[in-house]
């Protein structure tokens, strides 16, 4: 009887570059941009001096790359969820529920990285804002398609809705309400129906 041989350990281990990205992401999330140094990142992955610069150009470039990857992962997850829903209001509700789950996931990088916007240099901030605006374009489309009451300014509605979802990590603590229940409350406050109307 032939037994399958497991792949070599090296094949299962993440690449050194991925290890650097993971270490940097963890440090940026824990300490913030300003309090994380290239030396800290190198020490976490066991690379010092010039060896680390083989994998990264600069702290700024590394932060932008990690930020962009986190937002892209969040966008992909939201798009996959709303692709399964047809009703416009239910699509918006689904997107909100997924975004809230991402923001309240302790392992998620999107909230700490997005909240560090004021700590980064101006040139980095410009790049982060461009990517954030591209992410929010998804919600522009969802809000535009939703049947909102007459007279509602859709841009203001979207900004307030996203502010509610993005700020939940500042005040939410597990206990009285679970994440799904918090999502339901936020949706109700914003007049978003979870179910298609008959």
Protein backbone atom coordinates (compact mmCIF):
# COMPACT_ATOMS: atom_id res chain seq x y z
CA UNK A 1 0.00 0.00 0.00
CA UNK A 2 1.45 3.36 -1.02
CA UNK A 3 1.32 6.09 1.56
CA UNK A 4 1.35 9.71 0.55
CA UNK A 5 4.45 11.47 1.75
CA UNK A 6 3.88 14.81 3.48
CA UNK A 7 5.43 17.82 1.77
CA UNK A 8 8.74 19.04 3.17
CA UNK A 9 8.47 21.40 6.14
CA UNK A 10 9.85 24.25 3.99
CA UNK A 11 6.88 23.91 1.62
CA UNK A 12 4.44 24.40 4.50
CA UNK A 13 6.23 27.36 6.05
CA UNK A 14 5.28 30.85 4.89
CA UNK A 15 7.84 32.65 2.79
CA UNK A 16 10.23 34.98 4.56
CA UNK A 17 8.54 37.93 2.88
CA UNK A 18 5.13 36.82 4.17
CA UNK A 19 6.64 36.38 7.63
CA UNK A 20 7.96 39.96 7.48
CA UNK A 21 4.54 41.24 6.37
CA UNK A 22 2.76 39.30 9.13
CA UNK A 23 5.19 40.53 11.79
CA UNK A 24 4.90 44.12 10.62
CA UNK A 25 1.11 43.93 10.47
CA UNK A 26 0.97 42.58 14.01
CA UNK A 27 3.27 45.29 15.33
CA UNK A 28 1.44 48.09 13.51
CA UNK A 29 -1.87 46.79 14.93
CA UNK A 30 -0.49 46.45 18.47
CA UNK A 31 1.66 49.58 18.74
CA UNK A 32 0.59 51.83 15.90
CA UNK A 33 2.63 53.27 13.07
CA UNK A 34 4.67 55.77 15.10
CA UNK A 35 5.73 53.31 17.83
CA UNK A 36 6.81 50.56 15.43
CA UNK A 37 10.34 50.66 14.07
CA UNK A 38 12.02 48.71 11.31
CA UNK A 39 14.29 47.29 14.00
CA UNK A 40 11.23 45.99 15.92
CA UNK A 41 10.01 44.23 12.79
CA UNK A 42 13.42 42.74 12.12
CA UNK A 43 13.74 41.45 15.66
CA UNK A 44 10.32 39.80 15.48
CA UNK A 45 11.30 37.78 12.39
CA UNK A 46 14.95 37.32 13.26
CA UNK A 47 16.34 39.60 10.55
CA UNK A 48 18.67 42.46 11.32
CA UNK A 49 20.24 45.29 9.36
CA UNK A 50 20.41 45.09 5.60
CA UNK A 51 18.80 41.64 5.45
CA UNK A 52 15.40 43.12 6.24
CA UNK A 53 15.67 45.68 3.44
CA UNK A 54 15.83 42.81 0.97
CA UNK A 55 12.10 42.36 1.69
CA UNK A 56 10.94 45.93 2.27
CA UNK A 57 11.81 49.34 0.88
CA UNK A 58 10.81 51.45 3.87
CA UNK A 59 8.52 51.54 6.86
CA UNK A 60 6.16 53.84 4.92
CA UNK A 61 5.96 51.50 1.92
CA UNK A 62 5.44 48.54 4.23
CA UNK A 63 2.59 50.23 6.09
CA UNK A 64 0.87 51.18 2.82
CA UNK A 65 1.20 47.64 1.50
CA UNK A 66 -0.24 46.06 4.66
CA UNK A 67 -3.05 48.62 4.82
CA UNK A 68 -3.94 47.99 1.16
CA UNK A 69 -3.93 44.22 1.63
CA UNK A 70 -6.19 44.43 4.67
CA UNK A 71 -8.69 46.66 2.87
CA UNK A 72 -8.61 44.47 -0.23
CA UNK A 73 -9.33 41.38 1.88
CA UNK A 74 -12.26 43.19 3.53
CA UNK A 75 -13.58 44.37 0.15
CA UNK A 76 -13.31 40.88 -1.34
CA UNK A 77 -15.20 39.40 1.61
CA UNK A 78 -17.98 41.98 1.35
CA UNK A 79 -18.30 41.62 -2.43
CA UNK A 80 -18.52 37.83 -2.13
CA UNK A 81 -21.31 38.15 0.46
CA UNK A 82 -23.42 40.70 -1.46
CA UNK A 83 -23.04 38.73 -4.71
CA UNK A 84 -25.39 36.15 -3.18
CA UNK A 85 -28.15 38.73 -2.54
CA UNK A 86 -30.46 40.39 -5.09
CA UNK A 87 -32.62 42.86 -3.17
CA UNK A 88 -30.82 46.25 -3.00
CA UNK A 89 -31.67 46.95 0.64
CA UNK A 90 -30.74 43.42 1.68
CA UNK A 91 -27.44 43.82 -0.21
CA UNK A 92 -26.66 46.95 1.81
CA UNK A 93 -27.63 45.17 5.03
CA UNK A 94 -25.37 42.24 4.15
CA UNK A 95 -22.43 44.55 3.41
CA UNK A 96 -22.94 46.32 6.74
CA UNK A 97 -23.09 43.06 8.68
CA UNK A 98 -19.90 41.77 7.07
CA UNK A 99 -18.04 45.06 7.62
CA UNK A 100 -19.08 45.15 11.27
CA UNK A 101 -17.94 41.55 11.77
CA UNK A 102 -14.57 42.45 10.23
CA UNK A 103 -14.21 45.55 12.39
CA UNK A 104 -15.06 43.69 15.60
CA UNK A 105 -12.90 40.64 14.89
CA UNK A 106 -9.97 40.82 17.35
CA UNK A 107 -7.67 39.37 14.67
CA UNK A 108 -8.72 41.89 12.03
CA UNK A 109 -6.18 44.47 10.87
CA UNK A 110 -8.57 46.85 9.15
CA UNK A 111 -9.67 48.77 12.24
CA UNK A 112 -6.25 49.43 13.83
CA UNK A 113 -4.66 50.27 10.48
CA UNK A 114 -7.48 52.59 9.40
CA UNK A 115 -7.47 54.31 12.80
CA UNK A 116 -3.77 55.14 12.48
CA UNK A 117 -4.40 57.57 9.63
CA UNK A 118 -3.43 60.66 11.62
CA UNK A 119 -0.14 59.17 12.82
CA UNK A 120 1.42 58.59 9.41
CA UNK A 121 3.39 61.13 7.35
CA UNK A 122 1.41 63.23 4.88
CA UNK A 123 2.75 61.41 1.81
CA UNK A 124 1.64 58.07 3.29
CA UNK A 125 -1.74 59.46 4.32
CA UNK A 126 -2.47 60.53 0.74
CA UNK A 127 -1.91 56.95 -0.45
CA UNK A 128 -4.06 55.49 2.33
CA UNK A 129 -6.92 57.88 1.60
CA UNK A 130 -6.87 56.95 -2.10
CA UNK A 131 -7.20 53.27 -1.18
CA UNK A 132 -9.85 53.94 1.46
CA UNK A 133 -11.90 55.93 -1.05
CA UNK A 134 -11.67 53.03 -3.51
CA UNK A 135 -12.95 50.69 -0.78
CA UNK A 136 -15.80 53.05 0.08
CA UNK A 137 -16.85 53.15 -3.58
CA UNK A 138 -18.43 49.77 -2.90
CA UNK A 139 -20.73 51.41 -0.37
CA UNK A 140 -21.37 54.35 -2.71
CA UNK A 141 -22.86 51.87 -5.18
CA UNK A 142 -24.84 49.97 -2.53
CA UNK A 143 -26.32 53.13 -1.02
CA UNK A 144 -27.12 54.52 -4.47
CA UNK A 145 -29.13 51.39 -5.31
CA UNK A 146 -30.99 51.26 -1.98
CA UNK A 147 -34.56 52.61 -1.81
CA UNK A 148 -34.00 55.35 0.77
CA UNK A 149 -36.69 57.84 1.82
CA UNK A 150 -37.14 60.91 -0.37
CA UNK A 151 -34.99 63.85 0.65
CA UNK A 152 -32.16 61.75 2.15
CA UNK A 153 -28.75 62.94 0.97
CA UNK A 154 -27.10 59.68 -0.02
CA UNK A 155 -23.54 60.93 0.50
CA UNK A 156 -24.26 62.06 4.07
CA UNK A 157 -26.23 58.87 4.72
CA UNK A 158 -23.26 56.74 3.58
CA UNK A 159 -20.75 58.74 5.63
CA UNK A 160 -22.83 58.45 8.82
CA UNK A 161 -23.50 54.75 8.21
CA UNK A 162 -19.82 53.95 7.70
CA UNK A 163 -18.87 56.08 10.70
CA UNK A 164 -21.27 54.01 12.84
CA UNK A 165 -19.82 50.73 11.60
CA UNK A 166 -16.18 51.81 11.79
CA UNK A 167 -16.52 53.31 15.29
CA UNK A 168 -18.09 50.19 16.80
CA UNK A 169 -14.68 48.83 17.73
CA UNK A 170 -14.17 51.84 20.02
CA UNK A 171 -17.16 51.06 22.23
CA UNK A 172 -18.30 47.47 21.66
CA UNK A 173 -17.57 44.97 24.41
CA UNK A 174 -18.88 41.37 24.32
CA UNK A 175 -21.67 40.84 26.81
CA UNK A 176 -25.18 42.24 26.67
CA UNK A 177 -25.44 42.10 22.87
CA UNK A 178 -23.63 39.89 20.40
CA UNK A 179 -22.19 41.20 17.14
CA UNK A 180 -25.24 40.12 15.13
CA UNK A 181 -27.55 41.94 17.56
CA UNK A 182 -25.41 45.08 17.40
CA UNK A 183 -25.54 44.89 13.60
CA UNK A 184 -29.33 44.62 13.74
CA UNK A 185 -29.54 47.72 15.94
CA UNK A 186 -27.26 49.76 13.67
CA UNK A 187 -29.28 48.68 10.63
CA UNK A 188 -32.56 49.64 12.33
CA UNK A 189 -31.21 53.04 13.34
CA UNK A 190 -30.29 53.66 9.70
CA UNK A 191 -33.60 52.32 8.40
CA UNK A 192 -32.02 49.37 6.59
CA UNK A 193 -34.19 46.32 6.08
CA UNK A 194 -32.53 42.93 6.31
CA UNK A 195 -35.19 41.17 4.30
CA UNK A 196 -36.52 41.94 0.82
CA UNK A 197 -39.88 43.66 0.91
CA UNK A 198 -42.94 41.78 -0.38
